[in-house]
Amino acid sequence: MRVLMPVPDRDFDVTEVAVPWRLLTEAGHEVVLATERAGTRPACDPRRSTVPSGRSATAY
């Protein structure tokens, strides 16, 4: 099943997208992200993408 997941263009909490995306994809669903404007790459809130050490969460 294809699932449409709307996300804002910017400043969203990445965990609000990552957790449902993981659960849905693990269950065999195809997740399609939709932004407010077509062709826009979503950008998370930079304050939510770092861990207390100050390093980017993607560095782990």
N, C-alpha and C. Protein backbone atom coordinates (compact mmCIF):
# COMPACT_ATOMS: atom_id res chain seq x y z
N MET A 1 0.85 -1.18 0.00
CA MET A 1 0.00 0.00 0.00
C MET A 1 0.89 1.24 0.00
N ARG A 2 0.53 2.23 -0.76
CA ARG A 2 1.24 3.50 -0.80
C ARG A 2 0.61 4.44 0.22
N VAL A 3 1.46 5.05 1.06
CA VAL A 3 0.99 5.96 2.10
C VAL A 3 1.57 7.35 1.82
N LEU A 4 0.72 8.35 1.77
CA LEU A 4 1.14 9.73 1.56
C LEU A 4 1.38 10.37 2.92
N MET A 5 2.60 10.89 3.13
CA MET A 5 2.94 11.52 4.40
C MET A 5 3.24 12.99 4.13
N PRO A 6 2.32 13.89 4.46
CA PRO A 6 2.59 15.31 4.26
C PRO A 6 3.57 15.84 5.31
N VAL A 7 4.52 16.66 4.86
CA VAL A 7 5.48 17.29 5.76
C VAL A 7 5.61 18.76 5.36
N PRO A 8 5.90 19.63 6.32
CA PRO A 8 6.10 21.03 5.97
C PRO A 8 7.41 21.20 5.19
N ASP A 9 7.54 22.30 4.49
CA ASP A 9 8.75 22.55 3.72
C ASP A 9 9.98 22.71 4.62
N ARG A 10 9.79 23.23 5.82
CA ARG A 10 10.94 23.46 6.71
C ARG A 10 10.52 23.45 8.17
N ASP A 11 11.53 23.35 9.02
CA ASP A 11 11.38 23.47 10.48
C ASP A 11 10.45 22.45 11.12
N PHE A 12 10.50 21.19 10.65
CA PHE A 12 9.72 20.16 11.31
C PHE A 12 10.63 19.29 12.16
N ASP A 13 10.05 18.61 13.13
CA ASP A 13 10.79 17.70 13.99
C ASP A 13 10.98 16.39 13.23
N VAL A 14 12.23 16.05 12.97
CA VAL A 14 12.53 14.88 12.15
C VAL A 14 11.97 13.58 12.75
N THR A 15 11.86 13.51 14.07
CA THR A 15 11.33 12.28 14.69
C THR A 15 9.85 12.09 14.39
N GLU A 16 9.14 13.19 14.12
CA GLU A 16 7.72 13.08 13.79
C GLU A 16 7.51 12.43 12.42
N VAL A 17 8.55 12.41 11.62
CA VAL A 17 8.49 11.78 10.30
C VAL A 17 9.20 10.42 10.32
N ALA A 18 10.35 10.36 10.97
CA ALA A 18 11.19 9.16 10.93
C ALA A 18 10.53 7.95 11.58
N VAL A 19 9.89 8.15 12.71
CA VAL A 19 9.30 7.01 13.42
C VAL A 19 8.14 6.39 12.63
N PRO A 20 7.16 7.18 12.18
CA PRO A 20 6.09 6.58 11.37
C PRO A 20 6.62 6.00 10.05
N TRP A 21 7.60 6.68 9.43
CA TRP A 21 8.17 6.18 8.17
C TRP A 21 8.78 4.80 8.40
N ARG A 22 9.54 4.65 9.46
CA ARG A 22 10.18 3.36 9.74
C ARG A 22 9.16 2.27 9.99
N LEU A 23 8.18 2.56 10.80
CA LEU A 23 7.15 1.55 11.11
C LEU A 23 6.38 1.15 9.85
N LEU A 24 6.03 2.13 9.05
CA LEU A 24 5.27 1.84 7.83
C LEU A 24 6.09 1.06 6.81
N THR A 25 7.37 1.45 6.62
CA THR A 25 8.19 0.74 5.63
C THR A 25 8.51 -0.67 6.11
N GLU A 26 8.72 -0.84 7.41
CA GLU A 26 8.97 -2.18 7.94
C GLU A 26 7.75 -3.08 7.78
N ALA A 27 6.57 -2.47 7.74
CA ALA A 27 5.33 -3.23 7.55
C ALA A 27 5.05 -3.49 6.07
N GLY A 28 5.97 -3.01 5.20
CA GLY A 28 5.83 -3.29 3.78
C GLY A 28 5.15 -2.22 2.96
N HIS A 29 4.87 -1.08 3.56
CA HIS A 29 4.21 0.01 2.83
C HIS A 29 5.23 0.89 2.12
N GLU A 30 4.83 1.51 1.05
CA GLU A 30 5.64 2.51 0.36
C GLU A 30 5.22 3.87 0.88
N VAL A 31 6.16 4.64 1.42
CA VAL A 31 5.86 5.95 1.97
C VAL A 31 6.31 7.02 0.98
N VAL A 32 5.38 7.91 0.65
CA VAL A 32 5.67 9.02 -0.26
C VAL A 32 5.53 10.31 0.54
N LEU A 33 6.62 11.09 0.60
CA LEU A 33 6.58 12.37 1.30
C LEU A 33 6.05 13.45 0.37
N ALA A 34 5.19 14.30 0.90
CA ALA A 34 4.62 15.40 0.12
C ALA A 34 4.88 16.70 0.87
N THR A 35 5.50 17.67 0.20
CA THR A 35 5.76 18.96 0.81
C THR A 35 4.67 19.96 0.43
N GLU A 36 4.76 21.13 1.02
CA GLU A 36 3.76 22.17 0.76
C GLU A 36 3.80 22.65 -0.69
N ARG A 37 5.01 22.75 -1.25
CA ARG A 37 5.17 23.16 -2.65
C ARG A 37 5.85 22.03 -3.41
N ALA A 38 5.31 21.69 -4.54
CA ALA A 38 5.85 20.60 -5.35
C ALA A 38 7.32 20.86 -5.68
N GLY A 39 8.11 19.80 -5.57
CA GLY A 39 9.52 19.89 -5.92
C GLY A 39 10.41 20.44 -4.82
N THR A 40 9.84 20.74 -3.66
CA THR A 40 10.61 21.29 -2.55
C THR A 40 11.17 20.15 -1.71
N ARG A 41 12.44 20.23 -1.39
CA ARG A 41 13.06 19.24 -0.50
C ARG A 41 12.80 19.69 0.94
N PRO A 42 12.17 18.87 1.76
CA PRO A 42 11.88 19.27 3.13
C PRO A 42 13.15 19.45 3.95
N ALA A 43 13.15 20.41 4.86
CA ALA A 43 14.29 20.68 5.73
C ALA A 43 13.81 20.67 7.17
N CYS A 44 14.43 19.83 7.98
CA CYS A 44 14.02 19.75 9.38
C CYS A 44 14.52 20.96 10.16
N ASP A 45 13.98 21.12 11.34
CA ASP A 45 14.40 22.18 12.25
C ASP A 45 15.84 21.89 12.65
N PRO A 46 16.79 22.78 12.36
CA PRO A 46 18.20 22.49 12.68
C PRO A 46 18.44 22.27 14.17
N ARG A 47 17.59 22.80 15.02
CA ARG A 47 17.75 22.58 16.46
C ARG A 47 17.39 21.15 16.84
N ARG A 48 16.63 20.46 15.98
CA ARG A 48 16.22 19.09 16.25
C ARG A 48 17.14 18.06 15.60
N SER A 49 18.09 18.51 14.78
CA SER A 49 18.94 17.57 14.07
C SER A 49 20.33 17.43 14.68
N THR A 50 20.51 17.97 15.90
CA THR A 50 21.78 17.78 16.60
C THR A 50 21.53 17.12 17.94
N VAL A 51 22.53 16.47 18.44
CA VAL A 51 22.46 15.81 19.73
C VAL A 51 23.18 16.71 20.75
N PRO A 52 23.03 16.46 22.05
CA PRO A 52 23.62 17.37 23.05
C PRO A 52 25.10 17.67 22.86
N SER A 53 25.86 16.78 22.26
CA SER A 53 27.29 17.02 22.06
C SER A 53 27.54 18.10 21.02
N GLY A 54 26.50 18.51 20.29
CA GLY A 54 26.63 19.51 19.26
C GLY A 54 26.91 18.92 17.88
N ARG A 55 27.18 17.61 17.83
CA ARG A 55 27.43 16.96 16.55
C ARG A 55 26.10 16.71 15.85
N SER A 56 26.14 16.68 14.56
CA SER A 56 24.94 16.38 13.78
C SER A 56 24.48 14.98 14.10
N ALA A 57 23.18 14.80 14.23
CA ALA A 57 22.62 13.47 14.52
C ALA A 57 22.93 12.49 13.40
N THR A 58 23.16 12.98 12.20
CA THR A 58 23.46 12.09 11.08
C THR A 58 24.90 11.61 11.12
N ALA A 59 25.72 12.18 11.99
CA ALA A 59 27.12 11.77 12.10
C ALA A 59 27.28 10.44 12.83
N TYR A 60 26.24 9.97 13.46
CA TYR A 60 26.32 8.73 14.23
C TYR A 60 26.04 7.58 13.35
